[in-house]
Amino acid sequence: MTATMPERAAVTTRVERLNTASAKRTVEPDVDLPGRLGDGKVLPDDLLHPTAGLDPGVLDGEQAVAFSRHALAAITRSGLQFEAILMAGFGLQMARADDYTDPRIVYLLHEVGEETRHSRLFCRLLDQLAEHGPPAHNPMENWLFETVGHRLIDQVTHRPALLYTMVLAGEEIPDLMQKRAAEHPDTDPFVRDINRYHR
């Protein structure tokens, strides 16, 4: 079904409002979030599901610190991959666009800018986590999962409806995790700030 002229005009008006709002709420992480991680645990035990409910003595202090850092590094790396998929999908839509004056293109550019800022902050966080030792090996990183993963990414980025569905579905779980981490008193203060910013 083709949209009528009034329907297209209404969509354009809404997108232009989103563009105006996006331009007003830019946060530059390199300037506005200059913090650093502390030396202790970065996430509390009750947010790290494999350790939740276990006797606190299962991991000694040093092991608990290392485990929390490895968990946060894995979460951050996944976040970077998710942001990259979004940017690839948005970039492909812009490359295929017929009308670069369409306000939806401007909105996609706002989104790419925001994802870029998030990704730069995540890269800085990974760099700080690496200062305490190399990342743990991910046993899921093998040729089978890479092959399937690359095909899935290709399918998502080439199908806008699927991309937007994945965006909506993919934001729910990280959003809940970030909310819980941002509100927890035992979360590292810099990690709390990052979670508040990203939400």
N, C-alpha and C. Protein backbone atom coordinates (compact mmCIF):
# COMPACT_ATOMS: atom_id res chain seq x y z
N MET A 1 0.84 -1.17 0.00
CA MET A 1 0.00 0.00 0.00
C MET A 1 0.90 1.24 0.00
N THR A 2 0.65 2.15 -0.93
CA THR A 2 1.42 3.37 -1.06
C THR A 2 0.86 4.44 -0.15
N ALA A 3 1.76 5.17 0.54
CA ALA A 3 1.33 6.24 1.45
C ALA A 3 0.77 7.41 0.66
N THR A 4 -0.25 8.05 1.21
CA THR A 4 -0.82 9.24 0.58
C THR A 4 0.08 10.44 0.86
N MET A 5 -0.16 11.54 0.13
CA MET A 5 0.64 12.76 0.34
C MET A 5 0.55 13.26 1.79
N PRO A 6 -0.66 13.32 2.39
CA PRO A 6 -0.74 13.76 3.79
C PRO A 6 0.01 12.83 4.75
N GLU A 7 -0.03 11.52 4.48
CA GLU A 7 0.69 10.57 5.33
C GLU A 7 2.20 10.78 5.22
N ARG A 8 2.68 11.00 3.98
CA ARG A 8 4.12 11.25 3.79
C ARG A 8 4.52 12.55 4.46
N ALA A 9 3.67 13.57 4.37
CA ALA A 9 3.95 14.87 5.00
C ALA A 9 4.02 14.72 6.52
N ALA A 10 3.13 13.92 7.09
CA ALA A 10 3.12 13.70 8.54
C ALA A 10 4.40 12.98 8.98
N VAL A 11 4.84 11.98 8.21
CA VAL A 11 6.08 11.27 8.53
C VAL A 11 7.26 12.23 8.45
N THR A 12 7.30 13.05 7.40
CA THR A 12 8.39 14.01 7.24
C THR A 12 8.45 14.97 8.42
N THR A 13 7.30 15.44 8.86
CA THR A 13 7.25 16.36 10.01
C THR A 13 7.79 15.68 11.26
N ARG A 14 7.40 14.43 11.50
CA ARG A 14 7.88 13.70 12.69
C ARG A 14 9.39 13.49 12.61
N VAL A 15 9.91 13.13 11.45
CA VAL A 15 11.34 12.90 11.30
C VAL A 15 12.11 14.20 11.48
N GLU A 16 11.59 15.30 10.97
CA GLU A 16 12.26 16.59 11.15
C GLU A 16 12.31 16.97 12.63
N ARG A 17 11.25 16.65 13.39
CA ARG A 17 11.27 16.88 14.84
C ARG A 17 12.34 16.03 15.51
N LEU A 18 12.47 14.78 15.08
CA LEU A 18 13.51 13.90 15.62
C LEU A 18 14.90 14.47 15.31
N ASN A 19 15.09 14.99 14.09
CA ASN A 19 16.38 15.58 13.73
C ASN A 19 16.72 16.76 14.63
N THR A 20 15.73 17.61 14.89
CA THR A 20 15.95 18.76 15.77
C THR A 20 16.32 18.31 17.17
N ALA A 21 15.60 17.32 17.69
CA ALA A 21 15.89 16.80 19.03
C ALA A 21 17.27 16.16 19.08
N SER A 22 17.64 15.41 18.04
CA SER A 22 18.94 14.74 18.01
C SER A 22 20.08 15.74 18.01
N ALA A 23 19.91 16.85 17.30
CA ALA A 23 20.96 17.87 17.23
C ALA A 23 21.18 18.54 18.59
N LYS A 24 20.14 18.57 19.42
CA LYS A 24 20.23 19.25 20.72
C LYS A 24 20.81 18.38 21.82
N ARG A 25 20.86 17.08 21.64
CA ARG A 25 21.26 16.21 22.75
C ARG A 25 22.58 15.47 22.50
N THR A 26 23.46 16.06 21.77
CA THR A 26 24.74 15.42 21.49
C THR A 26 25.63 15.45 22.73
N VAL A 27 26.13 14.28 23.11
CA VAL A 27 27.08 14.16 24.22
C VAL A 27 28.38 13.63 23.62
N GLU A 28 29.46 14.36 23.81
CA GLU A 28 30.77 13.95 23.28
C GLU A 28 31.50 13.18 24.38
N PRO A 29 31.62 11.85 24.26
CA PRO A 29 32.17 11.05 25.36
C PRO A 29 33.62 11.40 25.72
N ASP A 30 34.43 11.80 24.74
CA ASP A 30 35.82 12.12 25.04
C ASP A 30 35.94 13.38 25.89
N VAL A 31 34.91 14.22 25.86
CA VAL A 31 34.90 15.45 26.65
C VAL A 31 34.02 15.29 27.89
N ASP A 32 32.83 14.77 27.71
CA ASP A 32 31.83 14.72 28.77
C ASP A 32 31.96 13.51 29.70
N LEU A 33 32.68 12.48 29.28
CA LEU A 33 32.90 11.28 30.12
C LEU A 33 34.40 10.96 30.17
N PRO A 34 35.17 11.79 30.86
CA PRO A 34 36.63 11.61 30.86
C PRO A 34 37.13 10.57 31.87
N GLY A 35 36.24 9.88 32.56
CA GLY A 35 36.62 9.01 33.67
C GLY A 35 37.47 7.81 33.29
N ARG A 36 37.82 7.07 34.34
CA ARG A 36 38.61 5.84 34.20
C ARG A 36 38.04 4.79 35.14
N LEU A 37 38.31 3.54 34.81
CA LEU A 37 37.92 2.44 35.68
C LEU A 37 38.77 2.44 36.94
N GLY A 38 38.16 2.01 38.04
CA GLY A 38 38.92 1.78 39.26
C GLY A 38 39.68 0.47 39.16
N ASP A 39 40.38 0.11 40.23
CA ASP A 39 41.19 -1.12 40.20
C ASP A 39 40.44 -2.37 40.66
N GLY A 40 39.27 -2.22 41.25
CA GLY A 40 38.55 -3.37 41.78
C GLY A 40 37.60 -3.98 40.77
N LYS A 41 36.58 -4.67 41.32
CA LYS A 41 35.55 -5.27 40.47
C LYS A 41 34.80 -4.15 39.75
N VAL A 42 34.43 -4.40 38.51
CA VAL A 42 33.72 -3.39 37.72
C VAL A 42 32.22 -3.63 37.68
N LEU A 43 31.81 -4.87 37.96
CA LEU A 43 30.39 -5.23 38.04
C LEU A 43 30.18 -6.05 39.31
N PRO A 44 29.06 -5.84 39.99
CA PRO A 44 28.81 -6.61 41.21
C PRO A 44 28.45 -8.06 40.90
N ASP A 45 28.70 -8.94 41.88
CA ASP A 45 28.46 -10.37 41.70
C ASP A 45 27.03 -10.69 41.26
N ASP A 46 26.05 -9.98 41.85
CA ASP A 46 24.66 -10.35 41.54
C ASP A 46 24.23 -9.94 40.13
N LEU A 47 25.07 -9.22 39.39
CA LEU A 47 24.78 -8.93 37.98
C LEU A 47 25.55 -9.86 37.04
N LEU A 48 26.42 -10.67 37.61
CA LEU A 48 27.18 -11.63 36.81
C LEU A 48 26.54 -13.00 37.02
N HIS A 49 25.64 -13.37 36.15
CA HIS A 49 24.78 -14.54 36.35
C HIS A 49 25.50 -15.83 36.72
N PRO A 50 26.65 -16.16 36.13
CA PRO A 50 27.28 -17.43 36.52
C PRO A 50 27.66 -17.49 37.99
N THR A 51 27.88 -16.32 38.62
CA THR A 51 28.28 -16.34 40.03
C THR A 51 27.13 -16.01 40.96
N ALA A 52 26.00 -15.60 40.45
CA ALA A 52 24.88 -15.18 41.31
C ALA A 52 24.40 -16.36 42.16
N GLY A 53 24.27 -16.11 43.45
CA GLY A 53 23.76 -17.12 44.35
C GLY A 53 24.80 -18.11 44.85
N LEU A 54 26.04 -18.02 44.35
CA LEU A 54 27.09 -18.92 44.81
C LEU A 54 27.68 -18.41 46.12
N ASP A 55 28.28 -19.31 46.85
CA ASP A 55 28.99 -18.94 48.06
C ASP A 55 30.04 -17.90 47.69
N PRO A 56 30.09 -16.75 48.39
CA PRO A 56 31.05 -15.70 48.05
C PRO A 56 32.49 -16.18 48.05
N GLY A 57 32.78 -17.29 48.74
CA GLY A 57 34.16 -17.78 48.79
C GLY A 57 34.58 -18.58 47.57
N VAL A 58 33.68 -18.78 46.60
CA VAL A 58 34.03 -19.58 45.42
C VAL A 58 35.17 -18.91 44.64
N LEU A 59 35.11 -17.61 44.48
CA LEU A 59 36.19 -16.87 43.83
C LEU A 59 36.86 -16.00 44.89
N ASP A 60 38.21 -16.05 44.92
CA ASP A 60 38.88 -15.16 45.86
C ASP A 60 38.83 -13.74 45.29
N GLY A 61 39.30 -12.76 46.04
CA GLY A 61 39.20 -11.36 45.64
C GLY A 61 39.78 -11.08 44.27
N GLU A 62 40.97 -11.59 44.00
CA GLU A 62 41.63 -11.35 42.71
C GLU A 62 40.88 -12.02 41.57
N GLN A 63 40.38 -13.23 41.80
CA GLN A 63 39.62 -13.94 40.78
C GLN A 63 38.30 -13.22 40.47
N ALA A 64 37.66 -12.70 41.51
CA ALA A 64 36.39 -11.99 41.32
C ALA A 64 36.60 -10.72 40.51
N VAL A 65 37.71 -10.02 40.77
CA VAL A 65 38.03 -8.82 40.00
C VAL A 65 38.26 -9.19 38.53
N ALA A 66 39.08 -10.23 38.31
CA ALA A 66 39.39 -10.66 36.93
C ALA A 66 38.12 -11.11 36.21
N PHE A 67 37.26 -11.89 36.91
CA PHE A 67 36.03 -12.37 36.27
C PHE A 67 35.14 -11.21 35.87
N SER A 68 34.98 -10.22 36.75
CA SER A 68 34.11 -9.09 36.42
C SER A 68 34.65 -8.32 35.23
N ARG A 69 35.97 -8.20 35.13
CA ARG A 69 36.58 -7.47 34.01
C ARG A 69 36.43 -8.25 32.69
N HIS A 70 36.60 -9.57 32.77
CA HIS A 70 36.41 -10.39 31.56
C HIS A 70 34.95 -10.33 31.10
N ALA A 71 34.02 -10.37 32.05
CA ALA A 71 32.59 -10.30 31.70
C ALA A 71 32.27 -8.95 31.05
N LEU A 72 32.78 -7.86 31.63
CA LEU A 72 32.50 -6.55 31.06
C LEU A 72 33.16 -6.41 29.68
N ALA A 73 34.35 -6.97 29.51
CA ALA A 73 35.02 -6.91 28.20
C ALA A 73 34.19 -7.65 27.15
N ALA A 74 33.64 -8.81 27.50
CA ALA A 74 32.81 -9.57 26.56
C ALA A 74 31.54 -8.80 26.20
N ILE A 75 30.91 -8.18 27.21
CA ILE A 75 29.70 -7.38 26.97
C ILE A 75 30.04 -6.19 26.06
N THR A 76 31.16 -5.54 26.34
CA THR A 76 31.56 -4.35 25.58
C THR A 76 31.89 -4.71 24.14
N ARG A 77 32.59 -5.82 23.95
CA ARG A 77 32.92 -6.26 22.59
C ARG A 77 31.64 -6.57 21.80
N SER A 78 30.69 -7.22 22.45
CA SER A 78 29.40 -7.50 21.79
C SER A 78 28.69 -6.20 21.44
N GLY A 79 28.76 -5.22 22.35
CA GLY A 79 28.16 -3.92 22.09
C GLY A 79 28.78 -3.25 20.88
N LEU A 80 30.10 -3.35 20.76
CA LEU A 80 30.78 -2.77 19.59
C LEU A 80 30.34 -3.46 18.30
N GLN A 81 30.21 -4.78 18.34
CA GLN A 81 29.77 -5.51 17.15
C GLN A 81 28.34 -5.11 16.78
N PHE A 82 27.48 -4.96 17.77
CA PHE A 82 26.10 -4.57 17.51
C PHE A 82 26.05 -3.17 16.90
N GLU A 83 26.82 -2.23 17.46
CA GLU A 83 26.86 -0.87 16.92
C GLU A 83 27.37 -0.89 15.48
N ALA A 84 28.37 -1.73 15.19
CA ALA A 84 28.93 -1.81 13.83
C ALA A 84 27.89 -2.33 12.84
N ILE A 85 27.08 -3.30 13.27
CA ILE A 85 26.03 -3.82 12.40
C ILE A 85 25.01 -2.73 12.10
N LEU A 86 24.64 -1.97 13.13
CA LEU A 86 23.71 -0.86 12.91
C LEU A 86 24.27 0.13 11.90
N MET A 87 25.53 0.53 12.10
CA MET A 87 26.13 1.51 11.19
C MET A 87 26.23 0.97 9.77
N ALA A 88 26.53 -0.32 9.64
CA ALA A 88 26.61 -0.92 8.30
C ALA A 88 25.25 -0.90 7.63
N GLY A 89 24.22 -1.26 8.38
CA GLY A 89 22.86 -1.24 7.82
C GLY A 89 22.42 0.16 7.44
N PHE A 90 22.68 1.13 8.34
CA PHE A 90 22.31 2.52 8.04
C PHE A 90 23.09 3.04 6.83
N GLY A 91 24.39 2.72 6.78
CA GLY A 91 25.22 3.17 5.66
C GLY A 91 24.75 2.60 4.33
N LEU A 92 24.36 1.32 4.35
CA LEU A 92 23.85 0.70 3.12
C LEU A 92 22.56 1.37 2.66
N GLN A 93 21.69 1.72 3.60
CA GLN A 93 20.45 2.42 3.23
C GLN A 93 20.76 3.78 2.62
N MET A 94 21.75 4.48 3.19
CA MET A 94 22.12 5.79 2.64
C MET A 94 22.75 5.64 1.26
N ALA A 95 23.57 4.62 1.08
CA ALA A 95 24.22 4.41 -0.21
C ALA A 95 23.21 4.11 -1.31
N ARG A 96 22.09 3.52 -0.94
CA ARG A 96 21.05 3.16 -1.90
C ARG A 96 19.98 4.24 -2.05
N ALA A 97 20.09 5.32 -1.30
CA ALA A 97 19.04 6.35 -1.30
C ALA A 97 18.98 7.09 -2.64
N ASP A 98 17.78 7.45 -3.02
CA ASP A 98 17.57 8.25 -4.23
C ASP A 98 17.59 9.75 -3.92
N ASP A 99 17.16 10.11 -2.71
CA ASP A 99 17.01 11.52 -2.37
C ASP A 99 17.75 11.82 -1.07
N TYR A 100 18.92 12.45 -1.20
CA TYR A 100 19.72 12.77 -0.01
C TYR A 100 19.20 13.98 0.74
N THR A 101 18.15 14.62 0.25
CA THR A 101 17.53 15.73 1.00
C THR A 101 16.40 15.23 1.89
N ASP A 102 16.07 13.95 1.78
CA ASP A 102 15.03 13.35 2.61
C ASP A 102 15.45 13.46 4.08
N PRO A 103 14.59 13.98 4.96
CA PRO A 103 14.97 14.12 6.36
C PRO A 103 15.30 12.78 7.03
N ARG A 104 14.82 11.68 6.45
CA ARG A 104 15.17 10.37 7.01
C ARG A 104 16.65 10.08 6.83
N ILE A 105 17.26 10.58 5.76
CA ILE A 105 18.70 10.43 5.57
C ILE A 105 19.45 11.21 6.65
N VAL A 106 18.97 12.42 6.93
CA VAL A 106 19.60 13.24 7.98
C VAL A 106 19.48 12.51 9.32
N TYR A 107 18.32 11.91 9.57
CA TYR A 107 18.15 11.18 10.83
C TYR A 107 19.11 9.99 10.90
N LEU A 108 19.27 9.27 9.80
CA LEU A 108 20.24 8.16 9.78
C LEU A 108 21.64 8.67 10.09
N LEU A 109 21.99 9.85 9.57
CA LEU A 109 23.30 10.42 9.87
C LEU A 109 23.44 10.77 11.35
N HIS A 110 22.36 11.29 11.96
CA HIS A 110 22.39 11.52 13.41
C HIS A 110 22.63 10.20 14.15
N GLU A 111 21.95 9.15 13.72
CA GLU A 111 22.10 7.85 14.37
C GLU A 111 23.52 7.30 14.20
N VAL A 112 24.07 7.41 13.00
CA VAL A 112 25.44 6.93 12.77
C VAL A 112 26.41 7.72 13.65
N GLY A 113 26.21 9.04 13.76
CA GLY A 113 27.06 9.85 14.63
C GLY A 113 26.98 9.39 16.07
N GLU A 114 25.77 9.09 16.53
CA GLU A 114 25.60 8.64 17.91
C GLU A 114 26.24 7.28 18.13
N GLU A 115 26.05 6.36 17.17
CA GLU A 115 26.66 5.03 17.31
C GLU A 115 28.19 5.14 17.28
N THR A 116 28.71 6.07 16.50
CA THR A 116 30.16 6.28 16.45
C THR A 116 30.68 6.75 17.80
N ARG A 117 29.96 7.69 18.41
CA ARG A 117 30.38 8.17 19.74
C ARG A 117 30.32 7.04 20.76
N HIS A 118 29.26 6.24 20.74
CA HIS A 118 29.17 5.09 21.65
C HIS A 118 30.37 4.16 21.43
N SER A 119 30.65 3.87 20.17
CA SER A 119 31.72 2.92 19.85
C SER A 119 33.08 3.44 20.30
N ARG A 120 33.32 4.73 20.14
CA ARG A 120 34.61 5.28 20.60
C ARG A 120 34.75 5.12 22.12
N LEU A 121 33.65 5.33 22.84
CA LEU A 121 33.69 5.16 24.29
C LEU A 121 33.91 3.69 24.64
N PHE A 122 33.25 2.77 23.93
CA PHE A 122 33.43 1.35 24.19
C PHE A 122 34.87 0.92 23.91
N CYS A 123 35.48 1.47 22.85
CA CYS A 123 36.89 1.16 22.55
C CYS A 123 37.79 1.62 23.70
N ARG A 124 37.51 2.80 24.23
CA ARG A 124 38.31 3.31 25.36
C ARG A 124 38.13 2.40 26.58
N LEU A 125 36.89 1.96 26.82
CA LEU A 125 36.64 1.06 27.94
C LEU A 125 37.40 -0.26 27.76
N LEU A 126 37.37 -0.84 26.57
CA LEU A 126 38.11 -2.07 26.31
C LEU A 126 39.60 -1.87 26.53
N ASP A 127 40.13 -0.73 26.11
CA ASP A 127 41.54 -0.43 26.30
C ASP A 127 41.88 -0.39 27.79
N GLN A 128 41.03 0.22 28.59
CA GLN A 128 41.27 0.27 30.04
C GLN A 128 41.17 -1.12 30.66
N LEU A 129 40.22 -1.92 30.20
CA LEU A 129 40.11 -3.28 30.72
C LEU A 129 41.34 -4.11 30.38
N ALA A 130 41.93 -3.88 29.21
CA ALA A 130 43.12 -4.63 28.77
C ALA A 130 44.35 -4.28 29.59
N GLU A 131 44.34 -3.13 30.27
CA GLU A 131 45.49 -2.74 31.09
C GLU A 131 45.73 -3.72 32.23
N HIS A 132 44.70 -4.48 32.61
CA HIS A 132 44.82 -5.43 33.73
C HIS A 132 45.06 -6.86 33.24
N GLY A 133 45.33 -7.02 31.98
CA GLY A 133 45.62 -8.35 31.45
C GLY A 133 44.89 -8.59 30.14
N PRO A 134 45.35 -9.59 29.39
CA PRO A 134 44.74 -9.88 28.09
C PRO A 134 43.32 -10.40 28.26
N PRO A 135 42.48 -10.20 27.24
CA PRO A 135 41.09 -10.70 27.33
C PRO A 135 41.06 -12.22 27.35
N ALA A 136 40.02 -12.75 27.94
CA ALA A 136 39.82 -14.21 27.96
C ALA A 136 39.49 -14.68 26.54
N HIS A 137 39.91 -15.88 26.22
CA HIS A 137 39.58 -16.47 24.92
C HIS A 137 38.10 -16.81 24.88
N ASN A 138 37.45 -16.45 23.78
CA ASN A 138 36.04 -16.79 23.59
C ASN A 138 35.96 -18.12 22.85
N PRO A 139 35.47 -19.18 23.51
CA PRO A 139 35.42 -20.49 22.85
C PRO A 139 34.43 -20.53 21.68
N MET A 140 33.54 -19.52 21.61
CA MET A 140 32.57 -19.49 20.51
C MET A 140 33.18 -18.91 19.24
N GLU A 141 34.40 -18.37 19.32
CA GLU A 141 35.02 -17.79 18.13
C GLU A 141 35.75 -18.89 17.37
N ASN A 142 35.07 -19.50 16.44
CA ASN A 142 35.67 -20.51 15.58
C ASN A 142 35.07 -20.35 14.19
N TRP A 143 35.56 -21.10 13.25
CA TRP A 143 35.16 -20.90 11.85
C TRP A 143 33.66 -21.09 11.64
N LEU A 144 33.04 -22.03 12.36
CA LEU A 144 31.61 -22.28 12.17
C LEU A 144 30.79 -21.08 12.61
N PHE A 145 31.05 -20.58 13.82
CA PHE A 145 30.28 -19.45 14.32
C PHE A 145 30.59 -18.18 13.54
N GLU A 146 31.83 -18.03 13.08
CA GLU A 146 32.16 -16.86 12.26
C GLU A 146 31.43 -16.91 10.93
N THR A 147 31.39 -18.08 10.30
CA THR A 147 30.71 -18.23 9.01
C THR A 147 29.21 -17.94 9.15
N VAL A 148 28.59 -18.55 10.15
CA VAL A 148 27.15 -18.34 10.38
C VAL A 148 26.93 -16.86 10.75
N GLY A 149 27.78 -16.33 11.62
CA GLY A 149 27.64 -14.94 12.05
C GLY A 149 27.74 -13.96 10.89
N HIS A 150 28.71 -14.19 9.99
CA HIS A 150 28.87 -13.30 8.84
C HIS A 150 27.65 -13.36 7.92
N ARG A 151 27.12 -14.54 7.74
CA ARG A 151 25.92 -14.67 6.88
C ARG A 151 24.72 -13.98 7.52
N LEU A 152 24.59 -14.13 8.83
CA LEU A 152 23.48 -13.48 9.55
C LEU A 152 23.61 -11.96 9.46
N ILE A 153 24.80 -11.45 9.66
CA ILE A 153 25.03 -10.01 9.57
C ILE A 153 24.69 -9.51 8.17
N ASP A 154 25.09 -10.26 7.16
CA ASP A 154 24.79 -9.88 5.79
C ASP A 154 23.28 -9.81 5.55
N GLN A 155 22.55 -10.79 6.09
CA GLN A 155 21.10 -10.80 5.93
C GLN A 155 20.46 -9.60 6.63
N VAL A 156 20.93 -9.30 7.85
CA VAL A 156 20.35 -8.20 8.63
C VAL A 156 20.61 -6.86 7.97
N THR A 157 21.85 -6.61 7.54
CA THR A 157 22.20 -5.29 7.00
C THR A 157 21.54 -5.02 5.65
N HIS A 158 21.19 -6.06 4.91
CA HIS A 158 20.59 -5.87 3.59
C HIS A 158 19.06 -5.82 3.61
N ARG A 159 18.47 -5.99 4.77
CA ARG A 159 17.01 -5.99 4.88
C ARG A 159 16.59 -4.98 5.95
N PRO A 160 16.21 -3.77 5.54
CA PRO A 160 15.88 -2.71 6.52
C PRO A 160 14.84 -3.13 7.56
N ALA A 161 13.78 -3.83 7.15
CA ALA A 161 12.75 -4.22 8.12
C ALA A 161 13.33 -5.15 9.18
N LEU A 162 14.17 -6.10 8.75
CA LEU A 162 14.82 -7.02 9.69
C LEU A 162 15.80 -6.26 10.58
N LEU A 163 16.55 -5.31 10.00
CA LEU A 163 17.49 -4.50 10.77
C LEU A 163 16.77 -3.75 11.89
N TYR A 164 15.66 -3.09 11.56
CA TYR A 164 14.95 -2.32 12.57
C TYR A 164 14.30 -3.22 13.62
N THR A 165 13.85 -4.40 13.21
CA THR A 165 13.31 -5.35 14.18
C THR A 165 14.41 -5.79 15.13
N MET A 166 15.59 -6.08 14.58
CA MET A 166 16.73 -6.48 15.42
C MET A 166 17.15 -5.34 16.34
N VAL A 167 17.08 -4.11 15.86
CA VAL A 167 17.43 -2.95 16.69
C VAL A 167 16.50 -2.91 17.90
N LEU A 168 15.19 -3.01 17.64
CA LEU A 168 14.23 -2.94 18.74
C LEU A 168 14.39 -4.11 19.71
N ALA A 169 14.53 -5.30 19.17
CA ALA A 169 14.68 -6.49 20.03
C ALA A 169 16.04 -6.48 20.72
N GLY A 170 17.07 -6.10 19.98
CA GLY A 170 18.42 -6.13 20.50
C GLY A 170 18.71 -5.08 21.55
N GLU A 171 17.90 -4.04 21.61
CA GLU A 171 18.12 -2.98 22.60
C GLU A 171 17.52 -3.34 23.96
N GLU A 172 16.53 -4.21 23.99
CA GLU A 172 15.81 -4.47 25.24
C GLU A 172 16.68 -5.10 26.32
N ILE A 173 17.41 -6.17 25.98
CA ILE A 173 18.21 -6.87 26.98
C ILE A 173 19.38 -6.00 27.45
N PRO A 174 20.17 -5.41 26.53
CA PRO A 174 21.25 -4.52 27.01
C PRO A 174 20.72 -3.35 27.82
N ASP A 175 19.56 -2.82 27.45
CA ASP A 175 19.00 -1.69 28.17
C ASP A 175 18.68 -2.08 29.62
N LEU A 176 18.12 -3.25 29.82
CA LEU A 176 17.82 -3.73 31.17
C LEU A 176 19.11 -3.94 31.97
N MET A 177 20.10 -4.57 31.33
CA MET A 177 21.38 -4.79 32.01
C MET A 177 22.03 -3.47 32.39
N GLN A 178 22.00 -2.50 31.49
CA GLN A 178 22.61 -1.21 31.77
C GLN A 178 21.86 -0.47 32.87
N LYS A 179 20.55 -0.58 32.88
CA LYS A 179 19.74 0.05 33.93
C LYS A 179 20.12 -0.52 35.29
N ARG A 180 20.19 -1.85 35.37
CA ARG A 180 20.54 -2.49 36.64
C ARG A 180 21.95 -2.14 37.09
N ALA A 181 22.89 -2.11 36.14
CA ALA A 181 24.27 -1.77 36.49
C ALA A 181 24.38 -0.31 36.92
N ALA A 182 23.66 0.58 36.22
CA ALA A 182 23.74 2.01 36.54
C ALA A 182 23.16 2.31 37.92
N GLU A 183 22.18 1.51 38.35
CA GLU A 183 21.52 1.76 39.63
C GLU A 183 22.17 1.01 40.79
N HIS A 184 23.07 0.09 40.49
CA HIS A 184 23.66 -0.74 41.55
C HIS A 184 24.80 0.00 42.24
N PRO A 185 24.80 0.06 43.58
CA PRO A 185 25.84 0.81 44.28
C PRO A 185 27.24 0.21 44.17
N ASP A 186 27.34 -1.09 43.82
CA ASP A 186 28.65 -1.73 43.74
C ASP A 186 29.24 -1.73 42.33
N THR A 187 28.56 -1.12 41.38
CA THR A 187 29.12 -0.99 40.02
C THR A 187 30.21 0.09 40.04
N ASP A 188 31.28 -0.16 39.31
CA ASP A 188 32.35 0.84 39.19
C ASP A 188 31.74 2.17 38.74
N PRO A 189 32.12 3.30 39.36
CA PRO A 189 31.51 4.59 39.01
C PRO A 189 31.62 4.96 37.53
N PHE A 190 32.75 4.65 36.90
CA PHE A 190 32.90 4.97 35.47
C PHE A 190 31.96 4.10 34.64
N VAL A 191 31.81 2.83 35.01
CA VAL A 191 30.89 1.94 34.29
C VAL A 191 29.46 2.44 34.48
N ARG A 192 29.13 2.92 35.67
CA ARG A 192 27.80 3.51 35.91
C ARG A 192 27.56 4.68 34.98
N ASP A 193 28.56 5.57 34.85
CA ASP A 193 28.43 6.74 33.97
C ASP A 193 28.24 6.31 32.52
N ILE A 194 28.99 5.31 32.09
CA ILE A 194 28.87 4.82 30.71
C ILE A 194 27.47 4.26 30.46
N ASN A 195 26.96 3.49 31.41
CA ASN A 195 25.63 2.91 31.25
C ASN A 195 24.55 3.98 31.20
N ARG A 196 24.67 5.00 32.05
CA ARG A 196 23.69 6.08 32.02
C ARG A 196 23.74 6.81 30.67
N TYR A 197 24.95 7.06 30.20
CA TYR A 197 25.12 7.75 28.92
C TYR A 197 24.55 6.93 27.77
N HIS A 198 24.86 5.64 27.72
CA HIS A 198 24.44 4.82 26.59
C HIS A 198 22.93 4.61 26.58
N ARG A 199 22.30 4.56 27.75
CA ARG A 199 20.85 4.39 27.81
C ARG A 199 20.16 5.66 27.34
